[in-house]
Amino acid sequence: MVAILHQPDLGLHRPAIKRVPYEVLSEIFVFYVESPQQPPNVCTYTLTVKPVAPSTLLFLGAVCVPWRNVAWTTPRLWTTVAFKISGINNNLMTLLDLVKQWLQRAGRELPLFIKVICRDSHRSLPFIKLLKEYRHRWQKMDFRCDAPYVLELLLRKDTDTYTSNLKVVHFTGHLTEDHAGPVALDLTADSPEEIYGFVPLSWIKTQWHALRSICLMNPLPVDHLLHVLSDAPALTYCNVNLDFIEEINVEVRPLVHNKLRDLRLRLHIDPEDDGSEQTVILEELLSNLASPSLTKLSVTFDEELNVNFDATYADTLMDFLARSKCSLKTFKQHGVIFSSEHEENQLLAVLITTPTLEHLKITTDIRESDKSISNHFLERLSVQTGDPDLLPNLKHFTYHGPLGFSEEALAKITCDDMASTSTDGSTGSDDLGTSISKPRLMERIDVELNDGFDEEGNDVHGQCPPRVGSAWKKITISI
């Protein structure tokens, strides 16, 4: 009887979600769209964000009419415009109409993030003309195409009548037989903070004073890089491929860059080069540069011809670090081989000059165990028998390469208790009998071994070989 009396009253109440005010529901939608839908990738670029999937907003509008009205009239939801043009698009006019509606819903003032993947230059012209109408609102542009003339049409400066808002430029241009000449990407009306591209630096015309992050995949001569560093005093992240030149312009040396924090250098060899030019290129750069704020340094040599960690290379690194007087936190070295204890000692000599180092990464694609780091190197890092002044702040050690050391030697570079233990098992103490605390307590050790090839000729990689026991498995995961 009670249920029957209350049933009409229950029918008069609307669901709680329908009683949420428009402004609150709009903020919920924005929070939902901007929050990560999956674990974010580690990204070194300062301003790059992952575009919103178009289906996310369309799903919100498909729930009910009130939700659609809120979503369609919230401009902040539509400021990211991402689409792909290729030969498989059956109805480009429908896609073009959708892009028009998307841009209209983004309002008239909010900055825009445009991401376009173009595989068909001729079919993309209507989209390019549409996007150029909103050129004054671009804040982040990610444009990837096959034909350089489309890239030029999209990025070049048409007039000086607008106030540019462009902060991030990401472009990929591939030369074709019809367009083999250079392309001028005129960004002089902009002051981008981030540039990422697969084009030569000579193609780019821009203002460098606001640049904070640059990543160029095309080979870059050393003197060109020094000019960029000289013209971009706010630069904090630099990732480039270095190219060989005969002589460096004396006007750019010596250079002290006070803001650079993350420097990543890749060196690729010429087919006729024996590998000796790689260290020469690096020496030409580092001998003319000082970076007092540097915390991350990564050097990658060509994988096809591994470079020995010899005294010349070690001296180049030590001179650069000593000149910079920086507090290096991360050092990553790829593509070097260690054929003797002498070469391991050269690396150790570099490391002993970086007491602030927290992450050491050594990787190589070779599979000969006699060209990898050995027990000698790990014993020097040992908290029991090694040099107590060597990497006292080391927390993360990464190694990718062949197995040239034992499980026991690897285990000794970490210490899971704070008391110092001598080789005979006794606890270390000072003159007053006080226990001495170890300065290093590792947080992570990652090892990935090159185990050779399988029956089909594919590379085989594993975190540990089958013969090692549980101690290795414990040490290769985060504690």
Protein backbone atom coordinates (compact mmCIF):
# COMPACT_ATOMS: atom_id res chain seq x y z
CA MET A 1 0.00 0.00 0.00
CA VAL A 2 2.86 2.37 0.85
CA ALA A 3 4.55 1.63 -2.45
CA ILE A 4 1.39 2.43 -4.38
CA LEU A 5 0.93 5.77 -2.58
CA HIS A 6 4.50 6.86 -3.28
CA GLN A 7 4.71 5.69 -6.88
CA PRO A 8 3.11 8.85 -8.42
CA ASP A 9 5.48 11.07 -6.41
CA LEU A 10 8.53 9.16 -7.64
CA GLY A 11 7.46 9.68 -11.22
CA LEU A 12 7.52 13.46 -10.78
CA HIS A 13 11.25 13.56 -10.03
CA ARG A 14 13.78 13.91 -12.89
CA PRO A 15 17.04 11.96 -12.79
CA ALA A 16 19.76 13.79 -10.88
CA ILE A 17 21.98 14.14 -13.98
CA LYS A 18 19.24 16.13 -15.73
CA ARG A 19 19.08 18.60 -12.85
CA VAL A 20 22.78 19.54 -13.11
CA PRO A 21 23.12 23.20 -14.21
CA TYR A 22 24.42 23.86 -17.73
CA GLU A 23 27.64 25.48 -16.50
CA VAL A 24 28.46 22.57 -14.18
CA LEU A 25 27.78 19.95 -16.85
CA SER A 26 29.93 21.89 -19.29
CA GLU A 27 32.85 21.88 -16.83
CA ILE A 28 32.39 18.14 -16.30
CA PHE A 29 32.60 17.56 -20.04
CA VAL A 30 35.76 19.65 -20.30
CA PHE A 31 37.33 17.78 -17.40
CA TYR A 32 36.40 14.46 -19.00
CA VAL A 33 37.88 15.39 -22.37
CA GLU A 34 41.08 16.88 -20.98
CA SER A 35 41.77 14.08 -18.48
CA PRO A 36 43.91 11.19 -19.82
CA GLN A 37 41.85 8.25 -21.03
CA GLN A 38 44.88 5.98 -20.76
CA PRO A 39 48.30 6.10 -19.09
CA PRO A 40 50.14 9.04 -20.69
CA ASN A 41 53.29 8.46 -22.67
CA VAL A 42 56.48 9.96 -21.35
CA CYS A 43 56.98 12.99 -23.57
CA THR A 44 60.04 15.18 -23.54
CA TYR A 45 58.43 18.00 -25.44
CA THR A 46 57.25 20.82 -23.28
CA LEU A 47 53.94 21.71 -24.91
CA THR A 48 52.85 18.75 -27.01
CA VAL A 49 49.53 17.19 -26.00
CA LYS A 50 47.69 14.22 -27.39
CA PRO A 51 44.75 15.29 -29.56
CA VAL A 52 41.28 14.40 -28.39
CA ALA A 53 39.77 11.48 -30.27
CA PRO A 54 36.79 12.78 -32.34
CA SER A 55 34.65 9.89 -31.13
CA THR A 56 34.94 11.17 -27.53
CA LEU A 57 32.92 14.30 -28.22
CA LEU A 58 30.49 12.52 -30.53
CA PHE A 59 29.76 9.97 -27.80
CA LEU A 60 28.85 12.77 -25.40
CA GLY A 61 26.41 14.19 -27.92
CA ALA A 62 24.85 10.79 -28.57
CA VAL A 63 23.72 10.22 -24.97
CA CYS A 64 20.70 12.54 -25.02
CA VAL A 65 19.48 15.86 -26.40
CA PRO A 66 20.42 17.95 -23.30
CA TRP A 67 23.94 16.55 -23.34
CA ARG A 68 24.24 17.26 -27.05
CA ASN A 69 23.11 20.84 -26.53
CA VAL A 70 25.70 21.36 -23.80
CA ALA A 71 28.53 19.69 -25.74
CA TRP A 72 27.73 21.47 -29.01
CA THR A 73 27.74 24.89 -27.30
CA THR A 74 30.92 24.50 -25.22
CA PRO A 75 33.73 25.92 -27.40
CA ARG A 76 36.55 24.59 -25.19
CA LEU A 77 35.64 21.04 -26.21
CA TRP A 78 36.31 21.72 -29.90
CA THR A 79 39.64 23.53 -29.88
CA THR A 80 41.54 20.41 -31.01
CA VAL A 81 40.93 19.59 -34.68
CA ALA A 82 42.50 16.31 -35.81
CA PHE A 83 41.83 14.43 -39.03
CA LYS A 84 43.54 12.33 -41.70
CA ILE A 85 43.37 12.67 -45.48
CA SER A 86 44.32 9.67 -47.59
CA GLY A 87 43.34 7.85 -50.74
CA ILE A 88 40.90 5.66 -48.82
CA ASN A 89 38.62 8.60 -47.91
CA ASN A 90 35.49 7.90 -49.96
CA ASN A 91 33.61 11.10 -49.29
CA LEU A 92 35.89 14.03 -48.64
CA MET A 93 33.03 16.52 -48.79
CA THR A 94 31.42 14.89 -45.77
CA LEU A 95 34.73 15.07 -43.90
CA LEU A 96 35.19 18.69 -44.97
CA ASP A 97 31.71 19.56 -43.69
CA LEU A 98 32.49 17.88 -40.36
CA VAL A 99 35.72 19.90 -40.01
CA LYS A 100 33.79 23.12 -40.76
CA GLN A 101 31.23 22.33 -38.06
CA TRP A 102 34.01 21.43 -35.64
CA LEU A 103 35.75 24.76 -36.16
CA GLN A 104 32.48 26.68 -35.85
CA ARG A 105 31.76 25.05 -32.50
CA ALA A 106 35.21 26.18 -31.27
CA GLY A 107 33.95 29.76 -31.11
CA ARG A 108 35.74 32.84 -32.40
CA GLU A 109 38.54 33.54 -29.94
CA LEU A 110 39.97 30.39 -28.33
CA PRO A 111 43.37 29.17 -29.61
CA LEU A 112 43.34 26.04 -31.76
CA PHE A 113 45.42 22.87 -31.90
CA ILE A 114 45.44 21.54 -35.49
CA LYS A 115 46.65 18.05 -36.34
CA VAL A 116 46.53 16.89 -39.97
CA ILE A 117 47.94 13.71 -41.51
CA CYS A 118 47.95 14.15 -45.28
CA ARG A 119 48.61 11.37 -47.78
CA ASP A 120 47.04 12.95 -50.87
CA SER A 121 48.11 16.52 -51.65
CA HIS A 122 45.55 17.30 -54.34
CA ARG A 123 42.59 16.09 -52.26
CA SER A 124 43.75 18.12 -49.26
CA LEU A 125 43.56 21.57 -50.87
CA PRO A 126 39.97 22.36 -49.70
CA PHE A 127 40.97 21.51 -46.12
CA ILE A 128 44.09 23.67 -46.29
CA LYS A 129 42.10 26.66 -47.53
CA LEU A 130 39.64 26.16 -44.68
CA LEU A 131 42.34 25.90 -42.02
CA LYS A 132 44.14 28.99 -43.29
CA GLU A 133 41.04 31.05 -42.49
CA TYR A 134 41.79 30.31 -38.82
CA ARG A 135 45.53 30.93 -39.12
CA HIS A 136 45.49 33.74 -36.55
CA ARG A 137 44.17 31.30 -33.90
CA TRP A 138 46.65 28.47 -34.38
CA GLN A 139 48.50 27.73 -31.17
CA LYS A 140 49.73 24.21 -31.89
CA MET A 141 50.17 22.87 -35.39
CA ASP A 142 51.03 19.24 -36.13
CA PHE A 143 51.10 18.77 -39.91
CA ARG A 144 52.43 15.63 -41.59
CA CYS A 145 52.43 15.37 -45.35
CA ASP A 146 54.21 13.82 -48.32
CA ALA A 147 54.38 16.83 -50.63
CA PRO A 148 56.48 19.85 -49.58
CA TYR A 149 54.39 22.37 -51.51
CA VAL A 150 51.41 21.58 -49.28
CA LEU A 151 53.59 22.12 -46.24
CA GLU A 152 54.68 25.47 -47.64
CA LEU A 153 51.09 26.48 -48.40
CA LEU A 154 49.98 25.66 -44.88
CA LEU A 155 52.79 27.17 -42.84
CA ARG A 156 54.06 30.14 -44.78
CA LYS A 157 53.20 33.71 -43.79
CA ASP A 158 50.55 35.16 -46.12
CA THR A 159 50.15 38.62 -44.62
CA ASP A 160 51.33 40.65 -41.66
CA THR A 161 47.80 41.73 -40.70
CA TYR A 162 47.29 39.20 -37.92
CA THR A 163 48.78 38.71 -34.49
CA SER A 164 50.28 35.23 -34.44
CA ASN A 165 49.45 32.82 -31.65
CA LEU A 166 51.49 29.84 -32.85
CA LYS A 167 53.56 28.22 -30.09
CA VAL A 168 54.14 24.62 -31.24
CA VAL A 169 55.09 23.58 -34.77
CA HIS A 170 55.40 19.90 -35.66
CA PHE A 171 55.84 19.10 -39.33
CA THR A 172 56.99 16.18 -41.44
CA GLY A 173 57.81 16.82 -45.09
CA HIS A 174 59.09 14.27 -47.58
CA LEU A 175 60.64 15.32 -50.87
CA THR A 176 59.10 13.93 -54.06
CA GLU A 177 60.42 13.80 -57.61
CA ASP A 178 58.20 16.76 -58.56
CA HIS A 179 59.43 18.89 -55.66
CA ALA A 180 63.12 18.24 -55.20
CA GLY A 181 64.05 21.82 -54.35
CA PRO A 182 64.10 23.55 -50.95
CA VAL A 183 60.92 24.76 -49.27
CA ALA A 184 60.67 27.98 -47.28
CA LEU A 185 58.69 27.50 -44.07
CA ASP A 186 58.24 31.14 -43.20
CA LEU A 187 57.40 31.45 -39.50
CA THR A 188 58.94 34.89 -39.06
CA ALA A 189 55.58 36.28 -37.94
CA ASP A 190 55.56 33.70 -35.14
CA SER A 191 57.65 33.11 -32.06
CA PRO A 192 57.30 29.34 -31.62
CA GLU A 193 58.32 27.74 -28.35
CA GLU A 194 58.63 24.23 -29.79
CA ILE A 195 59.76 23.03 -33.23
CA TYR A 196 59.76 19.39 -34.24
CA GLY A 197 60.41 18.39 -37.84
CA PHE A 198 61.75 16.01 -40.44
CA VAL A 199 63.01 18.84 -42.64
CA PRO A 200 66.38 20.59 -42.99
CA LEU A 201 67.00 23.54 -40.74
CA SER A 202 67.68 25.66 -43.84
CA TRP A 203 63.98 25.38 -44.73
CA ILE A 204 62.88 27.11 -41.52
CA LYS A 205 62.70 30.88 -41.14
CA THR A 206 61.57 31.94 -37.70
CA GLN A 207 62.23 33.98 -34.59
CA TRP A 208 64.38 31.93 -32.21
CA HIS A 209 64.29 34.03 -29.05
CA ALA A 210 61.25 32.26 -27.53
CA LEU A 211 62.24 28.72 -28.55
CA ARG A 212 62.27 26.28 -25.63
CA SER A 213 62.35 22.90 -27.37
CA ILE A 214 63.71 21.73 -30.72
CA CYS A 215 63.92 18.27 -32.31
CA LEU A 216 65.20 17.93 -35.88
CA MET A 217 65.62 14.56 -37.57
CA ASN A 218 67.57 15.72 -40.64
CA PRO A 219 71.38 15.89 -40.30
CA LEU A 220 72.48 19.22 -38.88
CA PRO A 221 76.02 20.60 -39.28
CA VAL A 222 77.76 21.47 -36.04
CA ASP A 223 78.10 25.17 -36.85
CA HIS A 224 74.36 25.39 -37.66
CA LEU A 225 73.52 23.88 -34.28
CA LEU A 226 75.82 26.32 -32.52
CA HIS A 227 74.08 29.19 -34.31
CA VAL A 228 70.69 27.89 -33.14
CA LEU A 229 71.94 27.65 -29.56
CA SER A 230 73.35 31.14 -29.82
CA ASP A 231 70.07 32.59 -31.19
CA ALA A 232 67.81 30.66 -28.78
CA PRO A 233 68.81 31.65 -25.23
CA ALA A 234 65.58 30.20 -23.74
CA LEU A 235 66.17 26.71 -25.16
CA THR A 236 65.92 23.94 -22.55
CA TYR A 237 65.57 20.81 -24.75
CA CYS A 238 67.63 20.03 -27.86
CA ASN A 239 67.46 16.76 -29.84
CA VAL A 240 69.37 16.68 -33.16
CA ASN A 241 71.28 14.55 -35.65
CA LEU A 242 74.79 15.89 -36.09
CA ASP A 243 76.50 16.14 -39.47
CA PHE A 244 80.17 16.56 -40.32
CA ILE A 245 81.64 19.85 -41.59
CA GLU A 246 85.19 20.87 -42.44
CA GLU A 247 85.33 24.08 -40.43
CA ILE A 248 83.26 25.80 -37.74
CA ASN A 249 82.39 29.46 -37.94
CA VAL A 250 84.58 31.19 -35.33
CA GLU A 251 81.85 33.77 -34.65
CA VAL A 252 79.84 31.31 -32.58
CA ARG A 253 82.56 30.04 -30.27
CA PRO A 254 83.00 29.69 -27.40
CA LEU A 255 79.31 29.50 -26.47
CA VAL A 256 77.85 29.37 -22.95
CA HIS A 257 74.17 28.38 -22.90
CA ASN A 258 72.70 28.96 -19.46
CA LYS A 259 69.21 27.46 -19.94
CA LEU A 260 69.89 24.17 -21.77
CA ARG A 261 68.92 21.25 -19.52
CA ASP A 262 68.44 18.27 -21.86
CA LEU A 263 70.88 17.66 -24.75
CA ARG A 264 70.40 14.62 -27.01
CA LEU A 265 72.87 14.04 -29.81
CA ARG A 266 72.74 11.39 -32.52
CA LEU A 267 75.65 10.76 -34.87
CA HIS A 268 75.24 8.80 -38.10
CA ILE A 269 78.09 7.68 -40.31
CA ASP A 270 78.58 8.07 -44.03
CA PRO A 271 78.65 4.73 -45.93
CA GLU A 272 82.36 5.31 -46.66
CA ASP A 273 83.23 6.39 -43.13
CA ASP A 274 85.05 4.04 -40.78
CA GLY A 275 83.45 5.60 -37.72
CA SER A 276 86.35 7.89 -36.80
CA GLU A 277 84.46 11.02 -37.89
CA GLN A 278 81.74 10.42 -35.29
CA THR A 279 83.93 11.31 -32.33
CA VAL A 280 85.44 14.20 -34.32
CA ILE A 281 81.98 15.68 -34.89
CA LEU A 282 81.14 15.36 -31.20
CA GLU A 283 84.43 16.92 -30.16
CA GLU A 284 83.86 19.87 -32.53
CA LEU A 285 80.54 20.58 -30.80
CA LEU A 286 81.35 19.94 -27.15
CA SER A 287 84.68 21.75 -27.29
CA ASN A 288 82.81 24.93 -28.26
CA LEU A 289 79.95 24.63 -25.80
CA ALA A 290 79.31 24.97 -22.07
CA SER A 291 75.95 24.25 -20.41
CA PRO A 292 75.90 25.09 -16.69
CA SER A 293 72.23 24.03 -16.28
CA LEU A 294 72.56 20.68 -18.07
CA THR A 295 70.95 17.76 -16.20
CA LYS A 296 70.52 15.22 -19.03
CA LEU A 297 73.04 14.20 -21.67
CA SER A 298 72.40 11.50 -24.27
CA VAL A 299 74.85 10.46 -26.99
CA THR A 300 73.89 7.91 -29.65
CA PHE A 301 76.38 6.60 -32.20
CA ASP A 302 75.41 4.83 -35.39
CA GLU A 303 74.31 1.29 -34.62
CA GLU A 304 75.94 -0.26 -37.70
CA LEU A 305 79.46 0.68 -36.62
CA ASN A 306 80.00 0.73 -32.87
CA VAL A 307 82.52 3.16 -31.48
CA ASN A 308 85.05 2.23 -28.83
CA PHE A 309 84.93 4.19 -25.58
CA ASP A 310 88.54 5.27 -25.95
CA ALA A 311 90.58 7.94 -24.19
CA THR A 312 89.89 10.60 -26.83
CA TYR A 313 86.15 10.27 -26.45
CA ALA A 314 86.39 10.18 -22.65
CA ASP A 315 88.52 13.34 -22.62
CA THR A 316 85.93 15.10 -24.81
CA LEU A 317 83.17 14.32 -22.34
CA MET A 318 85.22 15.20 -19.25
CA ASP A 319 86.39 18.51 -20.72
CA PHE A 320 82.81 19.45 -21.61
CA LEU A 321 81.47 18.55 -18.16
CA ALA A 322 84.32 20.31 -16.38
CA ARG A 323 83.81 23.44 -18.50
CA SER A 324 80.06 23.39 -17.92
CA LYS A 325 80.29 22.80 -14.15
CA CYS A 326 76.80 21.29 -14.33
CA SER A 327 74.97 18.94 -11.96
CA LEU A 328 74.32 16.10 -14.38
CA LYS A 329 71.49 13.78 -13.31
CA THR A 330 71.14 11.48 -16.35
CA PHE A 331 73.75 10.14 -18.77
CA LYS A 332 72.73 7.82 -21.61
CA GLN A 333 75.24 6.26 -23.97
CA HIS A 334 74.23 4.17 -26.97
CA GLY A 335 76.35 2.47 -29.60
CA VAL A 336 79.70 2.13 -27.85
CA ILE A 337 81.70 -1.05 -27.27
CA PHE A 338 84.05 -1.99 -24.44
CA SER A 339 86.73 -4.36 -25.72
CA SER A 340 88.98 -4.15 -22.67
CA GLU A 341 89.12 -3.10 -19.06
CA HIS A 342 91.04 -0.04 -20.20
CA GLU A 343 87.97 1.24 -22.11
CA GLU A 344 85.77 0.50 -19.10
CA ASN A 345 88.18 2.57 -17.02
CA GLN A 346 87.71 5.46 -19.46
CA LEU A 347 83.96 5.41 -18.79
CA LEU A 348 84.61 5.17 -15.06
CA ALA A 349 86.88 8.21 -15.30
CA VAL A 350 84.00 10.15 -16.83
CA LEU A 351 81.54 8.94 -14.20
CA ILE A 352 83.75 9.86 -11.27
CA THR A 353 83.53 13.50 -12.40
CA THR A 354 79.69 13.37 -12.16
CA PRO A 355 78.91 12.66 -8.48
CA THR A 356 75.38 14.05 -8.92
CA LEU A 357 74.43 11.39 -11.49
CA GLU A 358 71.23 9.48 -10.67
CA HIS A 359 70.50 7.54 -13.88
CA LEU A 360 73.14 5.73 -15.96
CA LYS A 361 72.08 4.00 -19.17
CA ILE A 362 74.38 1.97 -21.44
CA THR A 363 72.95 0.32 -24.56
CA THR A 364 74.37 -1.39 -27.62
CA ASP A 365 73.08 -3.68 -30.34
CA ILE A 366 76.15 -5.92 -30.53
CA ARG A 367 75.89 -9.51 -29.32
CA GLU A 368 79.52 -10.40 -28.59
CA SER A 369 79.86 -10.71 -24.82
CA ASP A 370 83.54 -9.74 -24.96
CA LYS A 371 82.54 -6.26 -26.17
CA SER A 372 80.17 -5.45 -23.34
CA ILE A 373 80.70 -4.19 -19.81
CA SER A 374 82.21 -6.86 -17.59
CA ASN A 375 82.46 -7.77 -13.92
CA HIS A 376 85.37 -5.33 -13.70
CA PHE A 377 83.07 -2.37 -14.39
CA LEU A 378 80.36 -3.54 -11.97
CA GLU A 379 82.88 -4.32 -9.23
CA ARG A 380 84.05 -0.71 -9.41
CA LEU A 381 80.42 0.32 -8.89
CA SER A 382 80.00 -2.13 -6.03
CA VAL A 383 78.91 -0.68 -2.70
CA GLN A 384 81.06 -3.24 -0.88
CA THR A 385 84.33 -3.38 -2.82
CA GLY A 386 84.16 -0.42 -5.22
CA ASP A 387 85.11 3.22 -5.03
CA PRO A 388 82.89 4.91 -2.40
CA ASP A 389 83.17 8.23 -4.27
CA LEU A 390 81.91 6.75 -7.55
CA LEU A 391 78.27 7.68 -8.27
CA PRO A 392 77.11 7.98 -4.64
CA ASN A 393 73.68 9.24 -5.79
CA LEU A 394 73.03 6.58 -8.42
CA LYS A 395 69.40 5.37 -8.26
CA HIS A 396 68.66 3.91 -11.68
CA PHE A 397 70.97 1.72 -13.78
CA THR A 398 69.91 0.55 -17.25
CA TYR A 399 71.82 -1.82 -19.49
CA HIS A 400 70.79 -3.17 -22.92
CA GLY A 401 73.33 -5.41 -24.61
CA PRO A 402 75.10 -8.78 -24.47
CA LEU A 403 75.77 -10.62 -21.23
CA GLY A 404 79.39 -10.05 -20.28
CA PHE A 405 79.02 -10.05 -16.50
CA SER A 406 77.68 -12.26 -13.74
CA GLU A 407 74.48 -11.99 -11.76
CA GLU A 408 76.47 -11.66 -8.54
CA ALA A 409 78.44 -8.66 -9.84
CA LEU A 410 75.25 -6.91 -10.89
CA ALA A 411 73.64 -7.47 -7.50
CA LYS A 412 76.54 -5.82 -5.71
CA ILE A 413 75.99 -2.35 -7.21
CA THR A 414 72.97 -1.85 -4.97
CA CYS A 415 72.60 -1.93 -1.20
CA ASP A 416 69.32 -2.79 0.54
CA ASP A 417 70.55 -1.81 4.00
CA MET A 418 72.00 1.46 5.19
CA ALA A 419 74.93 -0.09 7.04
CA SER A 420 78.28 -0.45 5.36
CA THR A 421 79.54 -4.03 5.16
CA SER A 422 83.17 -4.93 4.63
CA THR A 423 84.41 -7.81 2.50
CA ASP A 424 84.79 -10.09 5.55
CA GLY A 425 81.16 -9.60 6.55
CA SER A 426 81.76 -7.13 9.38
CA THR A 427 79.97 -3.80 9.62
CA GLY A 428 82.08 -0.75 8.83
CA SER A 429 82.54 1.92 11.51
CA ASP A 430 84.48 5.07 12.15
CA ASP A 431 86.99 5.70 14.96
CA LEU A 432 84.16 6.16 17.47
CA GLY A 433 82.57 2.87 16.56
CA THR A 434 79.60 4.50 14.84
CA SER A 435 78.11 2.57 11.93
CA ILE A 436 78.82 4.22 8.56
CA SER A 437 75.78 4.65 6.30
CA LYS A 438 76.08 3.80 2.66
CA PRO A 439 75.47 6.78 0.36
CA ARG A 440 73.76 4.76 -2.39
CA LEU A 441 70.39 3.00 -2.29
CA MET A 442 69.30 1.92 -5.76
CA GLU A 443 65.65 2.26 -6.75
CA ARG A 444 65.69 0.48 -10.12
CA ILE A 445 67.95 -1.74 -12.22
CA ASP A 446 66.83 -2.63 -15.75
CA VAL A 447 68.65 -5.18 -17.86
CA GLU A 448 67.67 -6.30 -21.35
CA LEU A 449 69.97 -8.80 -23.00
CA ASN A 450 70.66 -9.36 -26.68
CA ASP A 451 70.32 -13.11 -26.90
CA GLY A 452 71.01 -13.40 -30.64
CA PHE A 453 68.55 -14.57 -33.29
CA ASP A 454 65.75 -17.08 -33.41
CA GLU A 455 65.22 -19.72 -36.12
CA GLU A 456 63.55 -17.16 -38.41
CA GLY A 457 66.36 -14.63 -38.08
CA ASN A 458 64.51 -12.21 -35.80
CA ASP A 459 66.18 -10.44 -32.89
CA VAL A 460 65.68 -12.04 -29.51
CA HIS A 461 65.58 -9.81 -26.46
CA GLY A 462 64.98 -10.82 -22.89
CA GLN A 463 65.12 -9.26 -19.46
CA CYS A 464 67.29 -12.09 -18.21
CA PRO A 465 68.74 -15.35 -19.55
CA PRO A 466 67.02 -18.63 -18.56
CA ARG A 467 69.89 -19.75 -16.35
CA VAL A 468 69.72 -16.92 -13.82
CA GLY A 469 67.74 -17.23 -10.65
CA SER A 470 65.25 -15.25 -8.62
CA ALA A 471 67.83 -12.71 -7.43
CA TRP A 472 68.16 -11.30 -10.94
CA LYS A 473 64.40 -11.13 -11.43
CA LYS A 474 64.08 -9.22 -8.19
CA ILE A 475 66.72 -6.72 -9.16
CA THR A 476 65.32 -6.01 -12.63
CA ILE A 477 62.02 -4.62 -11.37
CA SER A 478 61.26 -1.40 -9.58
CA ILE A 479 61.59 -1.75 -5.81
